[in-house]
Every structure is written in structure tokens, then in C-alpha cells.
Amino acid sequence: MISRTIMEGRQNLGAPAGIRLFTDHPSAVGESYLEHLIFAVGFGLRMLGGGLACCVHGVLPFLFVTTGGRTVLDLHGVLARKRAGWIARNRSASAPEPLEYEI
């Protein structure tokens, strides 16, 4: 998949290539590297928690009856709100609307 940064021509061409590997995508979604790191790790931990609850629920179906589904819906809401905020901040005639928010 071609990164949104490349598609929108927002590469930080002044930075060394090694640094750009860590900063191009976070910049494309309006975050610093640290902000992106914190968000992605938090999001991933919530995914793992929901997945673990699903695994336990598979063995013990009386536990975590709604946890997996609720986690998926909550995380979808988080990404939908982030995407809406990104669109609102970057709306212009020349900027294409992103297809999805990438973690």
C-alpha cells in the first residue's frame, strides 16, 4: 500500500531517509512520532485485551459475554473520531479525503 504521505506529497525531504521512516506516517496523520507511538501502543493494548477476553469467552462462555464486541465498537469509534478530526483540519479543494485512518 502506498502511504498517504507519499500520495499527498508531504514527505519531509529535508530529513535523512532513516528518520523519515519514523516520521512520515505520523506526520501524515497529524501526529508527532511520540504522539503516534502512545496512541498506537494504547490502541494495540486495548485490542489485545479484547482478544484475550474473546479467547477466555470461547473456553468459559459465561465470562466476557460482551467484552470483545464492545472493544471492537469502542476502537472503531476512536478511529472514526480521529479520522473526522483529520478531515476537518485538512479540508481543502486540493487535499484528497483519506480512505482510512492508518495506525
N, C-alpha and C. Protein backbone atom coordinates (compact mmCIF):
# COMPACT_ATOMS: atom_id res chain seq x y z
N MET A 1 0.84 -1.18 0.00
CA MET A 1 0.00 0.00 0.00
C MET A 1 0.89 1.24 0.00
N ILE A 2 0.60 2.17 -0.85
CA ILE A 2 1.35 3.42 -0.90
C ILE A 2 0.91 4.27 0.27
N SER A 3 1.87 4.78 1.02
CA SER A 3 1.50 5.56 2.20
C SER A 3 0.82 6.86 1.79
N ARG A 4 -0.05 7.33 2.67
CA ARG A 4 -0.77 8.58 2.42
C ARG A 4 0.22 9.72 2.28
N THR A 5 1.31 9.67 3.01
CA THR A 5 2.32 10.72 2.95
C THR A 5 2.86 10.87 1.53
N ILE A 6 3.18 9.75 0.89
CA ILE A 6 3.71 9.80 -0.47
C ILE A 6 2.64 10.25 -1.43
N MET A 7 1.41 9.73 -1.27
CA MET A 7 0.32 10.09 -2.17
C MET A 7 0.03 11.58 -2.11
N GLU A 8 0.16 12.19 -0.93
CA GLU A 8 -0.16 13.60 -0.79
C GLU A 8 1.07 14.48 -0.96
N GLY A 9 2.22 13.88 -1.21
CA GLY A 9 3.42 14.65 -1.44
C GLY A 9 3.90 15.42 -0.22
N ARG A 10 3.68 14.87 0.98
CA ARG A 10 4.05 15.57 2.20
C ARG A 10 5.26 14.97 2.86
N GLN A 11 6.13 14.37 2.09
CA GLN A 11 7.34 13.81 2.67
C GLN A 11 8.23 14.92 3.20
N ASN A 12 8.92 14.63 4.27
CA ASN A 12 9.89 15.57 4.83
C ASN A 12 11.22 15.30 4.12
N LEU A 13 11.38 15.86 2.96
CA LEU A 13 12.53 15.55 2.12
C LEU A 13 13.84 16.07 2.70
N GLY A 14 13.77 17.00 3.66
CA GLY A 14 14.98 17.53 4.25
C GLY A 14 15.59 16.61 5.30
N ALA A 15 14.81 15.66 5.79
CA ALA A 15 15.30 14.76 6.84
C ALA A 15 15.98 13.55 6.21
N PRO A 16 16.94 12.96 6.91
CA PRO A 16 17.57 11.75 6.40
C PRO A 16 16.54 10.63 6.24
N ALA A 17 16.79 9.74 5.28
CA ALA A 17 15.83 8.68 4.97
C ALA A 17 15.50 7.84 6.19
N GLY A 18 16.47 7.55 7.03
CA GLY A 18 16.22 6.74 8.22
C GLY A 18 15.24 7.40 9.17
N ILE A 19 15.35 8.73 9.31
CA ILE A 19 14.43 9.47 10.18
C ILE A 19 13.04 9.49 9.56
N ARG A 20 12.97 9.67 8.25
CA ARG A 20 11.67 9.72 7.58
C ARG A 20 10.88 8.43 7.77
N LEU A 21 11.57 7.30 7.90
CA LEU A 21 10.87 6.04 8.15
C LEU A 21 10.02 6.13 9.42
N PHE A 22 10.48 6.90 10.39
CA PHE A 22 9.78 7.03 11.66
C PHE A 22 8.84 8.22 11.73
N THR A 23 8.97 9.18 10.82
CA THR A 23 8.20 10.41 10.95
C THR A 23 7.19 10.67 9.84
N ASP A 24 7.36 10.07 8.67
CA ASP A 24 6.45 10.36 7.55
C ASP A 24 5.01 9.98 7.87
N HIS A 25 4.78 8.75 8.29
CA HIS A 25 3.40 8.33 8.56
C HIS A 25 2.78 9.11 9.73
N PRO A 26 3.45 9.23 10.88
CA PRO A 26 2.83 10.03 11.95
C PRO A 26 2.49 11.45 11.49
N SER A 27 3.38 12.05 10.71
CA SER A 27 3.12 13.40 10.20
C SER A 27 1.89 13.41 9.30
N ALA A 28 1.73 12.37 8.49
CA ALA A 28 0.60 12.30 7.57
C ALA A 28 -0.74 12.21 8.29
N VAL A 29 -0.74 11.70 9.50
CA VAL A 29 -1.99 11.62 10.27
C VAL A 29 -2.05 12.69 11.35
N GLY A 30 -1.17 13.69 11.24
CA GLY A 30 -1.23 14.85 12.12
C GLY A 30 -0.68 14.64 13.51
N GLU A 31 0.28 13.74 13.65
CA GLU A 31 0.85 13.45 14.96
C GLU A 31 2.37 13.51 14.90
N SER A 32 2.97 13.76 16.06
CA SER A 32 4.41 13.62 16.17
C SER A 32 4.71 12.13 16.33
N TYR A 33 5.98 11.77 16.26
CA TYR A 33 6.34 10.36 16.46
C TYR A 33 5.89 9.88 17.83
N LEU A 34 6.13 10.68 18.87
CA LEU A 34 5.77 10.28 20.23
C LEU A 34 4.25 10.17 20.40
N GLU A 35 3.50 11.13 19.86
CA GLU A 35 2.04 11.06 19.93
C GLU A 35 1.54 9.79 19.24
N HIS A 36 2.10 9.49 18.08
CA HIS A 36 1.70 8.30 17.33
C HIS A 36 2.06 7.03 18.09
N LEU A 37 3.23 7.01 18.67
CA LEU A 37 3.67 5.85 19.45
C LEU A 37 2.71 5.59 20.60
N ILE A 38 2.38 6.62 21.35
CA ILE A 38 1.49 6.47 22.50
C ILE A 38 0.11 6.01 22.05
N PHE A 39 -0.43 6.63 21.00
CA PHE A 39 -1.75 6.24 20.51
C PHE A 39 -1.75 4.79 20.02
N ALA A 40 -0.78 4.43 19.19
CA ALA A 40 -0.75 3.09 18.60
C ALA A 40 -0.55 2.01 19.66
N VAL A 41 0.32 2.26 20.62
CA VAL A 41 0.53 1.26 21.69
C VAL A 41 -0.73 1.12 22.53
N GLY A 42 -1.35 2.23 22.88
CA GLY A 42 -2.59 2.16 23.65
C GLY A 42 -3.69 1.44 22.90
N PHE A 43 -3.81 1.74 21.62
CA PHE A 43 -4.81 1.09 20.77
C PHE A 43 -4.54 -0.41 20.70
N GLY A 44 -3.28 -0.77 20.48
CA GLY A 44 -2.91 -2.18 20.39
C GLY A 44 -3.15 -2.93 21.69
N LEU A 45 -2.87 -2.30 22.82
CA LEU A 45 -3.12 -2.95 24.11
C LEU A 45 -4.61 -3.19 24.33
N ARG A 46 -5.43 -2.23 23.90
CA ARG A 46 -6.88 -2.43 24.01
C ARG A 46 -7.33 -3.57 23.10
N MET A 47 -6.73 -3.67 21.92
CA MET A 47 -7.05 -4.78 21.02
C MET A 47 -6.67 -6.12 21.65
N LEU A 48 -5.48 -6.17 22.25
CA LEU A 48 -5.03 -7.39 22.91
C LEU A 48 -5.95 -7.77 24.06
N GLY A 49 -6.36 -6.78 24.83
CA GLY A 49 -7.28 -7.05 25.94
C GLY A 49 -8.60 -7.62 25.45
N GLY A 50 -9.15 -7.03 24.39
CA GLY A 50 -10.39 -7.55 23.82
C GLY A 50 -10.21 -8.94 23.25
N GLY A 51 -9.08 -9.18 22.60
CA GLY A 51 -8.79 -10.51 22.05
C GLY A 51 -8.64 -11.56 23.13
N LEU A 52 -7.97 -11.19 24.20
CA LEU A 52 -7.82 -12.12 25.32
C LEU A 52 -9.18 -12.44 25.93
N ALA A 53 -10.03 -11.43 26.07
CA ALA A 53 -11.37 -11.65 26.59
C ALA A 53 -12.15 -12.60 25.68
N CYS A 54 -11.98 -12.47 24.37
CA CYS A 54 -12.65 -13.38 23.43
C CYS A 54 -12.15 -14.81 23.60
N CYS A 55 -10.86 -14.98 23.79
CA CYS A 55 -10.29 -16.32 23.98
C CYS A 55 -10.83 -16.96 25.26
N VAL A 56 -10.87 -16.19 26.34
CA VAL A 56 -11.41 -16.71 27.59
C VAL A 56 -12.89 -17.03 27.42
N HIS A 57 -13.61 -16.17 26.74
CA HIS A 57 -15.04 -16.37 26.50
C HIS A 57 -15.28 -17.66 25.70
N GLY A 58 -14.39 -17.97 24.77
CA GLY A 58 -14.53 -19.20 24.00
C GLY A 58 -14.48 -20.43 24.89
N VAL A 59 -13.65 -20.41 25.90
CA VAL A 59 -13.50 -21.55 26.82
C VAL A 59 -14.57 -21.51 27.91
N LEU A 60 -14.83 -20.32 28.41
CA LEU A 60 -15.80 -20.13 29.51
C LEU A 60 -16.86 -19.13 29.03
N PRO A 61 -17.86 -19.61 28.28
CA PRO A 61 -18.79 -18.70 27.60
C PRO A 61 -19.63 -17.82 28.51
N PHE A 62 -19.63 -18.07 29.79
CA PHE A 62 -20.37 -17.22 30.73
C PHE A 62 -19.56 -16.00 31.15
N LEU A 63 -18.28 -15.95 30.78
CA LEU A 63 -17.42 -14.79 31.08
C LEU A 63 -17.25 -13.92 29.83
N PHE A 64 -17.09 -12.64 30.05
CA PHE A 64 -16.77 -11.68 28.98
C PHE A 64 -17.74 -11.79 27.79
N VAL A 65 -19.03 -11.89 28.10
CA VAL A 65 -20.05 -12.11 27.08
C VAL A 65 -20.09 -10.98 26.05
N THR A 66 -19.89 -9.74 26.47
CA THR A 66 -19.96 -8.61 25.53
C THR A 66 -18.64 -7.88 25.37
N THR A 67 -17.61 -8.29 26.05
CA THR A 67 -16.35 -7.54 26.08
C THR A 67 -15.69 -7.43 24.71
N GLY A 68 -15.59 -8.52 23.97
CA GLY A 68 -14.95 -8.48 22.65
C GLY A 68 -15.66 -7.54 21.69
N GLY A 69 -16.96 -7.69 21.58
CA GLY A 69 -17.74 -6.83 20.68
C GLY A 69 -17.70 -5.38 21.09
N ARG A 70 -17.80 -5.14 22.40
CA ARG A 70 -17.75 -3.77 22.91
C ARG A 70 -16.39 -3.13 22.63
N THR A 71 -15.32 -3.92 22.75
CA THR A 71 -13.98 -3.40 22.47
C THR A 71 -13.85 -3.01 21.00
N VAL A 72 -14.34 -3.85 20.12
CA VAL A 72 -14.28 -3.55 18.68
C VAL A 72 -15.05 -2.27 18.37
N LEU A 73 -16.26 -2.15 18.91
CA LEU A 73 -17.07 -0.95 18.66
C LEU A 73 -16.41 0.30 19.23
N ASP A 74 -15.85 0.19 20.43
CA ASP A 74 -15.16 1.34 21.04
C ASP A 74 -13.97 1.77 20.20
N LEU A 75 -13.16 0.82 19.76
CA LEU A 75 -11.97 1.16 18.97
C LEU A 75 -12.36 1.72 17.61
N HIS A 76 -13.42 1.20 17.03
CA HIS A 76 -13.90 1.76 15.76
C HIS A 76 -14.30 3.23 15.96
N GLY A 77 -14.98 3.50 17.07
CA GLY A 77 -15.37 4.88 17.37
C GLY A 77 -14.17 5.80 17.53
N VAL A 78 -13.14 5.30 18.18
CA VAL A 78 -11.91 6.09 18.36
C VAL A 78 -11.33 6.46 17.00
N LEU A 79 -11.21 5.48 16.10
CA LEU A 79 -10.63 5.76 14.78
C LEU A 79 -11.54 6.66 13.95
N ALA A 80 -12.85 6.47 14.04
CA ALA A 80 -13.78 7.31 13.28
C ALA A 80 -13.67 8.76 13.73
N ARG A 81 -13.56 9.00 15.04
CA ARG A 81 -13.42 10.38 15.53
C ARG A 81 -12.09 10.98 15.11
N LYS A 82 -11.01 10.19 15.16
CA LYS A 82 -9.70 10.70 14.72
C LYS A 82 -9.74 11.05 13.24
N ARG A 83 -10.36 10.19 12.44
CA ARG A 83 -10.46 10.42 11.00
C ARG A 83 -11.27 11.69 10.73
N ALA A 84 -12.39 11.86 11.43
CA ALA A 84 -13.21 13.06 11.25
C ALA A 84 -12.42 14.32 11.61
N GLY A 85 -11.65 14.25 12.68
CA GLY A 85 -10.82 15.39 13.06
C GLY A 85 -9.75 15.68 12.03
N TRP A 86 -9.14 14.63 11.47
CA TRP A 86 -8.11 14.81 10.44
C TRP A 86 -8.73 15.47 9.21
N ILE A 87 -9.90 15.02 8.81
CA ILE A 87 -10.57 15.59 7.63
C ILE A 87 -10.90 17.05 7.88
N ALA A 88 -11.43 17.37 9.06
CA ALA A 88 -11.78 18.75 9.37
C ALA A 88 -10.56 19.66 9.35
N ARG A 89 -9.42 19.17 9.84
CA ARG A 89 -8.21 20.00 9.87
C ARG A 89 -7.58 20.16 8.49
N ASN A 90 -7.81 19.23 7.60
CA ASN A 90 -7.12 19.23 6.31
C ASN A 90 -8.03 19.43 5.12
N ARG A 91 -9.24 19.88 5.35
CA ARG A 91 -10.20 20.04 4.27
C ARG A 91 -9.76 21.18 3.35
N SER A 92 -9.63 20.86 2.09
CA SER A 92 -9.39 21.87 1.07
C SER A 92 -9.75 21.24 -0.27
N ALA A 93 -9.86 22.07 -1.28
CA ALA A 93 -10.24 21.56 -2.60
C ALA A 93 -9.17 20.64 -3.17
N SER A 94 -7.91 20.88 -2.81
CA SER A 94 -6.83 20.09 -3.41
C SER A 94 -6.44 18.87 -2.60
N ALA A 95 -6.84 18.80 -1.34
CA ALA A 95 -6.44 17.66 -0.50
C ALA A 95 -7.46 16.55 -0.62
N PRO A 96 -7.04 15.37 -1.06
CA PRO A 96 -7.98 14.27 -1.16
C PRO A 96 -8.38 13.75 0.22
N GLU A 97 -9.62 13.32 0.35
CA GLU A 97 -10.08 12.76 1.61
C GLU A 97 -9.44 11.39 1.79
N PRO A 98 -8.91 11.11 2.98
CA PRO A 98 -8.28 9.81 3.19
C PRO A 98 -9.29 8.68 3.15
N LEU A 99 -8.87 7.52 2.70
CA LEU A 99 -9.76 6.38 2.64
C LEU A 99 -9.93 5.75 4.01
N GLU A 100 -8.91 5.82 4.84
CA GLU A 100 -8.95 5.20 6.15
C GLU A 100 -7.89 5.83 7.02
N TYR A 101 -8.04 5.65 8.32
CA TYR A 101 -7.00 6.09 9.23
C TYR A 101 -6.05 4.94 9.44
N GLU A 102 -4.77 5.17 9.28
CA GLU A 102 -3.79 4.12 9.44
C GLU A 102 -3.11 4.25 10.79
N ILE A 103 -2.93 3.18 11.46
CA ILE A 103 -2.25 3.19 12.75
C ILE A 103 -0.75 3.17 12.52
